[in-house]
């Protein structure tokens, strides 16, 4: 899977201290994947180095681009492992 980053994704990763390696790891070993539409997929994974918070990566498979990345507080209770 080719992964490109939108400028927004790069900006919020820098602001939130999210490492690019965490994003790649989330794609490779996600705990939950939700296909919202043909142009939007959500990947979730707990990040050990970030106190086991649940990282959410929003990806557009049509353009092979990460749209945004953030720690989803609510997903921890809904199966992010």
Foldseek 3Di string as FASTA:
>chain_A
DDEAEDPQAVVVCVVVVPDPVVVVVQVVDFFDWDDPDQQWIWTWAQDVVVVRFIKIWIAGPVVRYTHHIDGDRVCVVVTHD
